[in-house]
Amino acid sequence: MGMCFPCPGESAPPTPDLEEKRAKLAEAAERRQKEAASRGILDAQSVEEKRKKKEKLEKQIAASGPPPEGGLRWTVS
């Protein structure tokens, strides 16, 4: 009836290998992260492209260095 204990003549069902189990858990965690990141977003691909484009633009700005001294200045009053 129940699956509590194996019958006396049978051996216990094989347990998955430790490496195999870790790989499956890691795979499931990555899948959950991906699903959570795209939750509520209709077009996840375009959002990812926009994020990459923004990062690339920020890198270019950071690489170009500070603006020349004659540039605009911000003042807070």
PDB file of N, CA and C in Angstrom:
ATOM      1  N   MET A   1       0.821  -1.187   0.000  1.00  0.00           N
ATOM      2  CA  MET A   1       0.000   0.000   0.000  1.00  0.00           C
ATOM      3  C   MET A   1       0.871   1.260   0.000  1.00  0.00           C
ATOM      4  N   GLY A   2       1.370   1.598   1.179  1.00  0.00           N
ATOM      5  CA  GLY A   2       2.151   2.824   1.304  1.00  0.00           C
ATOM      6  C   GLY A   2       3.584   2.629   0.854  1.00  0.00           C
ATOM      7  N   MET A   3       4.280   3.689   0.694  1.00  0.00           N
ATOM      8  CA  MET A   3       5.671   3.633   0.268  1.00  0.00           C
ATOM      9  C   MET A   3       6.597   3.998   1.424  1.00  0.00           C
ATOM     10  N   CYS A   4       6.257   3.552   2.641  1.00  0.00           N
ATOM     11  CA  CYS A   4       7.033   3.918   3.826  1.00  0.00           C
ATOM     12  C   CYS A   4       8.395   3.237   3.853  1.00  0.00           C
ATOM     13  N   PHE A   5       8.409   1.896   3.827  1.00  0.00           N
ATOM     14  CA  PHE A   5       9.643   1.143   3.921  1.00  0.00           C
ATOM     15  C   PHE A   5       9.701   0.166   2.765  1.00  0.00           C
ATOM     16  N   PRO A   6      10.903  -0.136   2.286  1.00  0.00           N
ATOM     17  CA  PRO A   6      11.009  -1.142   1.225  1.00  0.00           C
ATOM     18  C   PRO A   6      10.690  -2.533   1.784  1.00  0.00           C
ATOM     19  N   CYS A   7      10.216  -3.364   0.915  1.00  0.00           N
ATOM     20  CA  CYS A   7       9.925  -4.732   1.321  1.00  0.00           C
ATOM     21  C   CYS A   7      11.239  -5.403   1.733  1.00  0.00           C
ATOM     22  N   PRO A   8      11.181  -6.413   2.580  1.00  0.00           N
ATOM     23  CA  PRO A   8      12.416  -7.056   3.076  1.00  0.00           C
ATOM     24  C   PRO A   8      13.315  -7.596   1.961  1.00  0.00           C
ATOM     25  N   GLY A   9      12.770  -8.075   0.888  1.00  0.00           N
ATOM     26  CA  GLY A   9      13.583  -8.642  -0.181  1.00  0.00           C
ATOM     27  C   GLY A   9      14.086  -7.608  -1.172  1.00  0.00           C
ATOM     28  N   GLU A  10      13.568  -6.403  -1.124  1.00  0.00           N
ATOM     29  CA  GLU A  10      13.947  -5.383  -2.100  1.00  0.00           C
ATOM     30  C   GLU A  10      14.948  -4.400  -1.493  1.00  0.00           C
ATOM     31  N   SER A  11      15.745  -3.852  -2.362  1.00  0.00           N
ATOM     32  CA  SER A  11      16.670  -2.821  -1.881  1.00  0.00           C
ATOM     33  C   SER A  11      15.984  -1.456  -1.996  1.00  0.00           C
ATOM     34  N   ALA A  12      16.528  -0.483  -1.319  1.00  0.00           N
ATOM     35  CA  ALA A  12      15.955   0.863  -1.352  1.00  0.00           C
ATOM     36  C   ALA A  12      16.114   1.447  -2.757  1.00  0.00           C
ATOM     37  N   PRO A  13      15.215   2.325  -3.162  1.00  0.00           N
ATOM     38  CA  PRO A  13      15.346   2.923  -4.492  1.00  0.00           C
ATOM     39  C   PRO A  13      16.639   3.732  -4.579  1.00  0.00           C
ATOM     40  N   PRO A  14      17.242   3.750  -5.744  1.00  0.00           N
ATOM     41  CA  PRO A  14      18.528   4.457  -5.878  1.00  0.00           C
ATOM     42  C   PRO A  14      18.356   5.963  -5.643  1.00  0.00           C
ATOM     43  N   THR A  15      19.286   6.531  -4.906  1.00  0.00           N
ATOM     44  CA  THR A  15      19.261   7.978  -4.685  1.00  0.00           C
ATOM     45  C   THR A  15      20.141   8.624  -5.743  1.00  0.00           C
ATOM     46  N   PRO A  16      19.800   9.839  -6.160  1.00  0.00           N
ATOM     47  CA  PRO A  16      20.614  10.485  -7.187  1.00  0.00           C
ATOM     48  C   PRO A  16      22.020  10.801  -6.671  1.00  0.00           C
ATOM     49  N   ASP A  17      22.963  10.781  -7.577  1.00  0.00           N
ATOM     50  CA  ASP A  17      24.347  11.097  -7.265  1.00  0.00           C
ATOM     51  C   ASP A  17      24.412  12.520  -6.707  1.00  0.00           C
ATOM     52  N   LEU A  18      25.344  12.786  -5.812  1.00  0.00           N
ATOM     53  CA  LEU A  18      25.453  14.092  -5.171  1.00  0.00           C
ATOM     54  C   LEU A  18      25.713  15.197  -6.202  1.00  0.00           C
ATOM     55  N   GLU A  19      26.597  14.948  -7.156  1.00  0.00           N
ATOM     56  CA  GLU A  19      26.885  15.936  -8.202  1.00  0.00           C
ATOM     57  C   GLU A  19      25.655  16.185  -9.067  1.00  0.00           C
ATOM     58  N   GLU A  20      24.938  15.117  -9.383  1.00  0.00           N
ATOM     59  CA  GLU A  20      23.730  15.223 -10.194  1.00  0.00           C
ATOM     60  C   GLU A  20      22.671  16.051  -9.464  1.00  0.00           C
ATOM     61  N   LYS A  21      22.558  15.805  -8.165  1.00  0.00           N
ATOM     62  CA  LYS A  21      21.586  16.531  -7.353  1.00  0.00           C
ATOM     63  C   LYS A  21      21.942  18.020  -7.295  1.00  0.00           C
ATOM     64  N   ARG A  22      23.227  18.329  -7.100  1.00  0.00           N
ATOM     65  CA  ARG A  22      23.677  19.727  -7.071  1.00  0.00           C
ATOM     66  C   ARG A  22      23.407  20.416  -8.400  1.00  0.00           C
ATOM     67  N   ALA A  23      23.664  19.721  -9.487  1.00  0.00           N
ATOM     68  CA  ALA A  23      23.449  20.299 -10.808  1.00  0.00           C
ATOM     69  C   ALA A  23      21.971  20.621 -11.019  1.00  0.00           C
ATOM     70  N   LYS A  24      21.105  19.711 -10.608  1.00  0.00           N
ATOM     71  CA  LYS A  24      19.666  19.945 -10.757  1.00  0.00           C
ATOM     72  C   LYS A  24      19.212  21.122  -9.897  1.00  0.00           C
ATOM     73  N   LEU A  25      19.724  21.203  -8.664  1.00  0.00           N
ATOM     74  CA  LEU A  25      19.363  22.312  -7.782  1.00  0.00           C
ATOM     75  C   LEU A  25      19.846  23.649  -8.345  1.00  0.00           C
ATOM     76  N   ALA A  26      21.063  23.676  -8.897  1.00  0.00           N
ATOM     77  CA  ALA A  26      21.595  24.900  -9.480  1.00  0.00           C
ATOM     78  C   ALA A  26      20.769  25.316 -10.694  1.00  0.00           C
ATOM     79  N   GLU A  27      20.396  24.342 -11.500  1.00  0.00           N
ATOM     80  CA  GLU A  27      19.572  24.602 -12.678  1.00  0.00           C
ATOM     81  C   GLU A  27      18.222  25.191 -12.275  1.00  0.00           C
ATOM     82  N   ALA A  28      17.625  24.624 -11.249  1.00  0.00           N
ATOM     83  CA  ALA A  28      16.325  25.110 -10.774  1.00  0.00           C
ATOM     84  C   ALA A  28      16.446  26.519 -10.203  1.00  0.00           C
ATOM     85  N   ALA A  29      17.537  26.791  -9.504  1.00  0.00           N
ATOM     86  CA  ALA A  29      17.739  28.125  -8.938  1.00  0.00           C
ATOM     87  C   ALA A  29      17.895  29.165 -10.043  1.00  0.00           C
ATOM     88  N   GLU A  30      18.664  28.834 -11.085  1.00  0.00           N
ATOM     89  CA  GLU A  30      18.825  29.752 -12.214  1.00  0.00           C
ATOM     90  C   GLU A  30      17.488  30.006 -12.902  1.00  0.00           C
ATOM     91  N   ARG A  31      16.695  28.962 -13.066  1.00  0.00           N
ATOM     92  CA  ARG A  31      15.395  29.103 -13.711  1.00  0.00           C
ATOM     93  C   ARG A  31      14.481  30.005 -12.870  1.00  0.00           C
ATOM     94  N   ARG A  32      14.509  29.814 -11.544  1.00  0.00           N
ATOM     95  CA  ARG A  32      13.688  30.668 -10.665  1.00  0.00           C
ATOM     96  C   ARG A  32      14.130  32.121 -10.740  1.00  0.00           C
ATOM     97  N   GLN A  33      15.442  32.371 -10.764  1.00  0.00           N
ATOM     98  CA  GLN A  33      15.936  33.741 -10.866  1.00  0.00           C
ATOM     99  C   GLN A  33      15.497  34.378 -12.173  1.00  0.00           C
ATOM    100  N   LYS A  34      15.594  33.632 -13.245  1.00  0.00           N
ATOM    101  CA  LYS A  34      15.206  34.149 -14.558  1.00  0.00           C
ATOM    102  C   LYS A  34      13.713  34.477 -14.578  1.00  0.00           C
ATOM    103  N   GLU A  35      12.902  33.607 -14.012  1.00  0.00           N
ATOM    104  CA  GLU A  35      11.455  33.838 -13.962  1.00  0.00           C
ATOM    105  C   GLU A  35      11.134  35.047 -13.092  1.00  0.00           C
ATOM    106  N   ALA A  36      11.828  35.182 -11.969  1.00  0.00           N
ATOM    107  CA  ALA A  36      11.574  36.304 -11.060  1.00  0.00           C
ATOM    108  C   ALA A  36      11.998  37.620 -11.707  1.00  0.00           C
ATOM    109  N   ALA A  37      13.085  37.595 -12.478  1.00  0.00           N
ATOM    110  CA  ALA A  37      13.576  38.812 -13.119  1.00  0.00           C
ATOM    111  C   ALA A  37      12.612  39.289 -14.201  1.00  0.00           C
ATOM    112  N   SER A  38      11.938  38.369 -14.859  1.00  0.00           N
ATOM    113  CA  SER A  38      11.053  38.752 -15.955  1.00  0.00           C
ATOM    114  C   SER A  38       9.593  38.814 -15.536  1.00  0.00           C
ATOM    115  N   ARG A  39       9.325  38.688 -14.244  1.00  0.00           N
ATOM    116  CA  ARG A  39       7.941  38.718 -13.767  1.00  0.00           C
ATOM    117  C   ARG A  39       7.340  40.097 -14.023  1.00  0.00           C
ATOM    118  N   GLY A  40       6.205  40.139 -14.683  1.00  0.00           N
ATOM    119  CA  GLY A  40       5.520  41.396 -14.959  1.00  0.00           C
ATOM    120  C   GLY A  40       6.011  42.096 -16.209  1.00  0.00           C
ATOM    121  N   ILE A  41       7.001  41.547 -16.898  1.00  0.00           N
ATOM    122  CA  ILE A  41       7.530  42.161 -18.118  1.00  0.00           C
ATOM    123  C   ILE A  41       7.013  41.363 -19.306  1.00  0.00           C
ATOM    124  N   LEU A  42       6.377  42.072 -20.245  1.00  0.00           N
ATOM    125  CA  LEU A  42       5.810  41.381 -21.395  1.00  0.00           C
ATOM    126  C   LEU A  42       6.878  40.989 -22.401  1.00  0.00           C
ATOM    127  N   ASP A  43       7.814  41.905 -22.686  1.00  0.00           N
ATOM    128  CA  ASP A  43       8.857  41.626 -23.668  1.00  0.00           C
ATOM    129  C   ASP A  43      10.215  41.672 -22.970  1.00  0.00           C
ATOM    130  N   ALA A  44      10.619  40.556 -22.396  1.00  0.00           N
ATOM    131  CA  ALA A  44      11.852  40.494 -21.614  1.00  0.00           C
ATOM    132  C   ALA A  44      13.080  40.745 -22.494  1.00  0.00           C
ATOM    133  N   GLN A  45      13.033  40.347 -23.745  1.00  0.00           N
ATOM    134  CA  GLN A  45      14.187  40.506 -24.627  1.00  0.00           C
ATOM    135  C   GLN A  45      14.483  41.981 -24.877  1.00  0.00           C
ATOM    136  N   SER A  46      13.453  42.790 -25.128  1.00  0.00           N
ATOM    137  CA  SER A  46      13.692  44.210 -25.385  1.00  0.00           C
ATOM    138  C   SER A  46      14.197  44.909 -24.131  1.00  0.00           C
ATOM    139  N   VAL A  47      13.722  44.495 -22.969  1.00  0.00           N
ATOM    140  CA  VAL A  47      14.197  45.084 -21.717  1.00  0.00           C
ATOM    141  C   VAL A  47      15.677  44.764 -21.529  1.00  0.00           C
ATOM    142  N   GLU A  48      16.064  43.538 -21.831  1.00  0.00           N
ATOM    143  CA  GLU A  48      17.466  43.137 -21.715  1.00  0.00           C
ATOM    144  C   GLU A  48      18.334  43.925 -22.692  1.00  0.00           C
ATOM    145  N   GLU A  49      17.859  44.123 -23.917  1.00  0.00           N
ATOM    146  CA  GLU A  49      18.610  44.893 -24.907  1.00  0.00           C
ATOM    147  C   GLU A  49      18.782  46.340 -24.453  1.00  0.00           C
ATOM    148  N   LYS A  50      17.728  46.931 -23.903  1.00  0.00           N
ATOM    149  CA  LYS A  50      17.814  48.311 -23.414  1.00  0.00           C
ATOM    150  C   LYS A  50      18.801  48.422 -22.259  1.00  0.00           C
ATOM    151  N   ARG A  51      18.803  47.426 -21.373  1.00  0.00           N
ATOM    152  CA  ARG A  51      19.726  47.441 -20.245  1.00  0.00           C
ATOM    153  C   ARG A  51      21.173  47.361 -20.726  1.00  0.00           C
ATOM    154  N   LYS A  52      21.436  46.480 -21.704  1.00  0.00           N
ATOM    155  CA  LYS A  52      22.783  46.348 -22.251  1.00  0.00           C
ATOM    156  C   LYS A  52      23.217  47.633 -22.939  1.00  0.00           C
ATOM    157  N   LYS A  53      22.298  48.257 -23.682  1.00  0.00           N
ATOM    158  CA  LYS A  53      22.614  49.499 -24.382  1.00  0.00           C
ATOM    159  C   LYS A  53      22.951  50.599 -23.371  1.00  0.00           C
ATOM    160  N   LYS A  54      22.196  50.649 -22.282  1.00  0.00           N
ATOM    161  CA  LYS A  54      22.435  51.653 -21.249  1.00  0.00           C
ATOM    162  C   LYS A  54      23.795  51.427 -20.588  1.00  0.00           C
ATOM    163  N   GLU A  55      24.128  50.163 -20.289  1.00  0.00           N
ATOM    164  CA  GLU A  55      25.425  49.852 -19.692  1.00  0.00           C
ATOM    165  C   GLU A  55      26.561  50.236 -20.632  1.00  0.00           C
ATOM    166  N   LYS A  56      26.398  49.972 -21.925  1.00  0.00           N
ATOM    167  CA  LYS A  56      27.423  50.308 -22.911  1.00  0.00           C
ATOM    168  C   LYS A  56      27.626  51.819 -22.964  1.00  0.00           C
ATOM    169  N   LEU A  57      26.541  52.576 -22.944  1.00  0.00           N
ATOM    170  CA  LEU A  57      26.615  54.026 -22.963  1.00  0.00           C
ATOM    171  C   LEU A  57      27.312  54.551 -21.711  1.00  0.00           C
ATOM    172  N   GLU A  58      26.985  53.979 -20.555  1.00  0.00           N
ATOM    173  CA  GLU A  58      27.632  54.390 -19.310  1.00  0.00           C
ATOM    174  C   GLU A  58      29.126  54.088 -19.333  1.00  0.00           C
ATOM    175  N   LYS A  59      29.521  52.956 -19.918  1.00  0.00           N
ATOM    176  CA  LYS A  59      30.936  52.624 -20.049  1.00  0.00           C
ATOM    177  C   LYS A  59      31.653  53.639 -20.921  1.00  0.00           C
ATOM    178  N   GLN A  60      31.016  54.029 -22.033  1.00  0.00           N
ATOM    179  CA  GLN A  60      31.623  55.003 -22.934  1.00  0.00           C
ATOM    180  C   GLN A  60      31.815  56.339 -22.234  1.00  0.00           C
ATOM    181  N   ILE A  61      30.828  56.757 -21.454  1.00  0.00           N
ATOM    182  CA  ILE A  61      30.923  58.023 -20.731  1.00  0.00           C
ATOM    183  C   ILE A  61      32.042  57.950 -19.699  1.00  0.00           C
ATOM    184  N   ALA A  62      32.126  56.825 -18.979  1.00  0.00           N
ATOM    185  CA  ALA A  62      33.161  56.665 -17.970  1.00  0.00           C
ATOM    186  C   ALA A  62      34.546  56.612 -18.606  1.00  0.00           C
ATOM    187  N   ALA A  63      34.670  56.011 -19.773  1.00  0.00           N
ATOM    188  CA  ALA A  63      35.956  55.885 -20.450  1.00  0.00           C
ATOM    189  C   ALA A  63      36.414  57.209 -21.046  1.00  0.00           C
ATOM    190  N   SER A  64      35.478  58.078 -21.401  1.00  0.00           N
ATOM    191  CA  SER A  64      35.857  59.336 -22.034  1.00  0.00           C
ATOM    192  C   SER A  64      36.451  60.314 -21.021  1.00  0.00           C
ATOM    193  N   GLY A  65      36.264  60.064 -19.739  1.00  0.00           N
ATOM    194  CA  GLY A  65      36.851  60.914 -18.714  1.00  0.00           C
ATOM    195  C   GLY A  65      35.971  62.098 -18.397  1.00  0.00           C
ATOM    196  N   PRO A  66      36.456  62.972 -17.514  1.00  0.00           N
ATOM    197  CA  PRO A  66      35.662  64.136 -17.135  1.00  0.00           C
ATOM    198  C   PRO A  66      35.556  65.131 -18.290  1.00  0.00           C
ATOM    199  N   PRO A  67      34.507  65.941 -18.312  1.00  0.00           N
ATOM    200  CA  PRO A  67      34.361  66.914 -19.385  1.00  0.00           C
ATOM    201  C   PRO A  67      35.436  67.993 -19.270  1.00  0.00           C
ATOM    202  N   PRO A  68      35.742  68.684 -20.364  1.00  0.00           N
ATOM    203  CA  PRO A  68      36.745  69.748 -20.310  1.00  0.00           C
ATOM    204  C   PRO A  68      36.304  70.864 -19.355  1.00  0.00           C
ATOM    205  N   GLU A  69      37.248  71.657 -18.919  1.00  0.00           N
ATOM    206  CA  GLU A  69      36.980  72.678 -17.910  1.00  0.00           C
ATOM    207  C   GLU A  69      35.981  73.711 -18.378  1.00  0.00           C
ATOM    208  N   GLY A  70      35.874  73.959 -19.647  1.00  0.00           N
ATOM    209  CA  GLY A  70      34.967  74.976 -20.159  1.00  0.00           C
ATOM    210  C   GLY A  70      33.533  74.497 -20.327  1.00  0.00           C
ATOM    211  N   GLY A  71      33.216  73.317 -19.816  1.00  0.00           N
ATOM    212  CA  GLY A  71      31.890  72.747 -19.991  1.00  0.00           C
ATOM    213  C   GLY A  71      30.846  73.375 -19.082  1.00  0.00           C
ATOM    214  N   LEU A  72      29.662  72.835 -19.082  1.00  0.00           N
ATOM    215  CA  LEU A  72      28.587  73.341 -18.236  1.00  0.00           C
ATOM    216  C   LEU A  72      28.871  73.058 -16.765  1.00  0.00           C
ATOM    217  N   ARG A  73      28.397  73.944 -15.903  1.00  0.00           N
ATOM    218  CA  ARG A  73      28.555  73.739 -14.489  1.00  0.00           C
ATOM    219  C   ARG A  73      27.209  73.772 -13.814  1.00  0.00           C
ATOM    220  N   TRP A  74      27.036  72.906 -12.849  1.00  0.00           N
ATOM    221  CA  TRP A  74      25.782  72.849 -12.101  1.00  0.00           C
ATOM    222  C   TRP A  74      25.952  73.572 -10.789  1.00  0.00           C
ATOM    223  N   THR A  75      24.970  74.356 -10.460  1.00  0.00           N
ATOM    224  CA  THR A  75      24.984  75.027  -9.157  1.00  0.00           C
ATOM    225  C   THR A  75      23.708  74.702  -8.413  1.00  0.00           C
ATOM    226  N   VAL A  76      23.859  74.543  -7.121  1.00  0.00           N
ATOM    227  CA  VAL A  76      22.694  74.265  -6.286  1.00  0.00           C
ATOM    228  C   VAL A  76      22.496  75.462  -5.368  1.00  0.00           C
ATOM    229  N   SER A  77      21.281  75.987  -5.385  1.00  0.00           N
ATOM    230  CA  SER A  77      21.044  77.153  -4.536  1.00  0.00           C
ATOM    231  C   SER A  77      20.102  76.818  -3.409  1.00  0.00           C
TER     232      SER A  77
END
